[in-house]
Amino acid sequence: MTQTGPPANTFAETPRSRCEFYRRVCSLPTVIDPATGRITMRAGLVGAVMMPTDLAHRVKTSLDVRGVAPLPIIGHPRAAMWTFLVRADIRPIGDPEQVARLWEARVVVIREGDIALPSPAPDPLMVRTWVSPAISVFRPSGAVVIECALGCIHRRRRR
């Protein structure tokens, strides 16, 4: 007998099941937009640092070398950006030169507003993927991610 569908023990992931995973396993305060299936969370205890993919690769490598893991990183393929989910411990940067370097490198710190997470619901307008999935409550220090980004930007400028 030939099986034409998925095995009986498999199930389809839904925005609701993914949202529950984010809440229960990762302690992310997620909600679902019922009209689109988009999963978002309000920045607060969890923040984010978004940057271009090429810089993000270098930052991830720097964090990997330091043993900072697991890193929850969201990819935005169309925009060629990555978003690191972080602890919201980033203080305002007082050094205008550092602020300018981050601005020029297109590094964005998200302290307020909504952060979009990957959802199994198809959405041609907002594609999000996990570069490195959220699998626990661990999130790296936002201050450390910014420090690594500044270090990578500085090394890049000296070349």
Protein backbone atom coordinates (compact mmCIF):
# COMPACT_ATOMS: atom_id res chain seq x y z
CA MET A 1 0.00 0.00 0.00
CA THR A 2 1.38 3.41 -0.97
CA GLN A 3 1.09 6.28 1.45
CA THR A 4 0.01 9.50 -0.25
CA GLY A 5 0.08 11.90 2.72
CA PRO A 6 2.34 12.61 5.64
CA PRO A 7 2.84 9.89 8.24
CA ALA A 8 0.08 9.76 10.84
CA ASN A 9 2.46 10.81 13.64
CA THR A 10 3.49 14.12 12.02
CA PHE A 11 1.70 17.39 12.54
CA ALA A 12 1.62 20.74 10.83
CA GLU A 13 3.23 23.58 12.69
CA THR A 14 0.95 26.58 13.06
CA PRO A 15 1.53 30.16 14.17
CA ARG A 16 -0.23 29.21 17.42
CA SER A 17 2.05 26.22 18.11
CA ARG A 18 5.15 28.25 17.24
CA CYS A 19 3.98 31.12 19.45
CA GLU A 20 3.45 28.67 22.33
CA PHE A 21 6.97 27.32 21.85
CA TYR A 22 8.38 30.86 21.95
CA ARG A 23 6.44 31.57 25.15
CA ARG A 24 6.99 28.32 27.04
CA VAL A 25 10.50 27.30 26.02
CA CYS A 26 12.10 30.65 25.23
CA SER A 27 10.14 32.98 27.57
CA LEU A 28 9.47 35.38 24.71
CA PRO A 29 6.28 37.47 25.15
CA THR A 30 4.89 36.69 21.71
CA VAL A 31 1.50 37.41 20.17
CA ILE A 32 -0.07 36.43 16.86
CA ASP A 33 -1.70 38.83 14.43
CA PRO A 34 -4.89 36.87 13.62
CA ALA A 35 -5.22 38.45 10.17
CA THR A 36 -1.69 37.61 8.94
CA GLY A 37 -0.30 34.91 11.23
CA ARG A 38 2.69 37.14 11.97
CA ILE A 39 4.32 36.53 15.31
CA THR A 40 5.65 39.55 17.14
CA MET A 41 6.73 40.55 20.60
CA ARG A 42 6.99 43.87 22.32
CA ALA A 43 10.57 44.95 23.10
CA GLY A 44 11.13 45.45 26.81
CA LEU A 45 12.91 42.79 28.83
CA VAL A 46 14.03 41.41 25.48
CA GLY A 47 15.64 43.79 23.04
CA ALA A 48 17.25 43.40 19.66
CA VAL A 49 20.25 44.58 17.70
CA MET A 50 19.82 44.61 13.92
CA MET A 51 22.71 44.95 11.47
CA PRO A 52 23.71 44.10 7.88
CA THR A 53 24.47 40.43 7.29
CA ASP A 54 28.18 40.87 6.52
CA LEU A 55 28.79 42.68 9.83
CA ALA A 56 26.49 40.23 11.65
CA HIS A 57 28.59 37.27 10.44
CA ARG A 58 31.68 38.87 11.98
CA VAL A 59 29.83 39.69 15.22
CA LYS A 60 28.51 36.13 15.46
CA THR A 61 32.01 34.73 14.96
CA SER A 62 33.36 37.05 17.67
CA LEU A 63 30.60 35.95 20.06
CA ASP A 64 31.20 32.28 19.18
CA VAL A 65 34.91 32.68 20.03
CA ARG A 66 33.89 34.14 23.41
CA GLY A 67 31.65 31.12 24.03
CA VAL A 68 28.44 33.16 24.00
CA ALA A 69 25.77 30.65 22.95
CA PRO A 70 23.17 29.84 21.92
CA LEU A 71 22.64 32.99 19.90
CA PRO A 72 19.05 33.61 18.83
CA ILE A 73 19.45 35.37 15.47
CA ILE A 74 16.67 36.23 13.02
CA GLY A 75 17.50 36.62 9.33
CA HIS A 76 15.81 39.09 7.01
CA PRO A 77 16.90 37.69 3.61
CA ARG A 78 15.34 40.42 1.46
CA ALA A 79 16.93 43.21 3.47
CA ALA A 80 20.25 41.36 3.98
CA MET A 81 19.99 42.02 7.73
CA TRP A 82 20.22 39.92 10.88
CA THR A 83 18.61 40.65 14.24
CA PHE A 84 20.21 39.38 17.45
CA LEU A 85 17.67 38.89 20.25
CA VAL A 86 19.38 40.21 23.38
CA ARG A 87 18.89 41.08 27.01
CA ALA A 88 17.75 44.68 27.22
CA ASP A 89 20.85 45.86 29.08
CA ILE A 90 22.12 48.36 26.54
CA ARG A 91 22.71 51.76 28.04
CA PRO A 92 22.56 54.82 25.84
CA ILE A 93 25.95 55.29 24.20
CA GLY A 94 27.49 58.54 25.35
CA ASP A 95 30.41 58.63 22.93
CA PRO A 96 29.30 60.49 19.77
CA GLU A 97 32.02 58.79 17.72
CA GLN A 98 30.71 55.34 18.64
CA VAL A 99 27.15 56.40 17.87
CA ALA A 100 28.32 57.68 14.46
CA ARG A 101 30.18 54.43 13.71
CA LEU A 102 27.11 52.35 14.56
CA TRP A 103 24.90 54.65 12.47
CA GLU A 104 27.25 54.46 9.46
CA ALA A 105 27.37 50.66 9.77
CA ARG A 106 23.53 50.57 9.88
CA VAL A 107 23.37 49.01 13.35
CA VAL A 108 19.96 49.55 14.96
CA VAL A 109 19.21 48.99 18.64
CA ILE A 110 15.57 48.08 19.27
CA ARG A 111 14.52 48.99 22.80
CA GLU A 112 10.86 49.76 22.13
CA GLY A 113 8.21 48.66 19.67
CA ASP A 114 7.52 45.33 18.04
CA ILE A 115 10.06 42.71 17.03
CA ALA A 116 8.90 40.28 14.33
CA LEU A 117 9.81 36.62 14.75
CA PRO A 118 9.73 33.83 12.18
CA SER A 119 6.28 32.32 11.71
CA PRO A 120 5.19 29.24 9.79
CA ALA A 121 2.42 31.32 8.17
CA PRO A 122 3.39 32.32 4.63
CA ASP A 123 3.84 36.07 4.33
CA PRO A 124 5.36 37.34 1.08
CA LEU A 125 5.77 40.85 2.50
CA MET A 126 7.72 39.93 5.62
CA VAL A 127 10.10 37.00 5.30
CA ARG A 128 11.85 36.07 8.56
CA THR A 129 14.01 33.00 9.11
CA TRP A 130 16.10 31.70 11.98
CA VAL A 131 19.82 32.00 11.31
CA SER A 132 20.33 30.52 14.76
CA PRO A 133 17.01 29.60 16.40
CA ALA A 134 15.79 30.58 19.83
CA ILE A 135 15.86 27.31 21.77
CA SER A 136 15.98 28.46 25.39
CA VAL A 137 15.60 31.47 27.66
CA PHE A 138 19.24 32.46 27.07
CA ARG A 139 19.87 35.72 25.29
CA PRO A 140 23.27 37.37 25.09
CA SER A 141 23.92 40.71 26.70
CA GLY A 142 22.91 43.51 24.32
CA ALA A 143 25.88 45.52 25.60
CA VAL A 144 28.25 42.69 24.60
CA VAL A 145 26.69 42.43 21.12
CA ILE A 146 27.15 46.21 20.64
CA GLU A 147 30.73 45.96 21.95
CA CYS A 148 31.48 43.18 19.44
CA ALA A 149 29.87 45.17 16.62
CA LEU A 150 31.98 48.22 17.46
CA GLY A 151 35.10 46.03 17.54
CA CYS A 152 34.27 44.52 14.14
CA ILE A 153 33.55 47.95 12.66
CA HIS A 154 36.82 49.31 14.08
CA ARG A 155 38.88 46.41 12.69
CA ARG A 156 37.21 46.82 9.30
CA ARG A 157 38.02 50.57 9.16
CA ARG A 158 41.71 50.04 9.98
CA ARG A 159 42.26 47.78 6.96
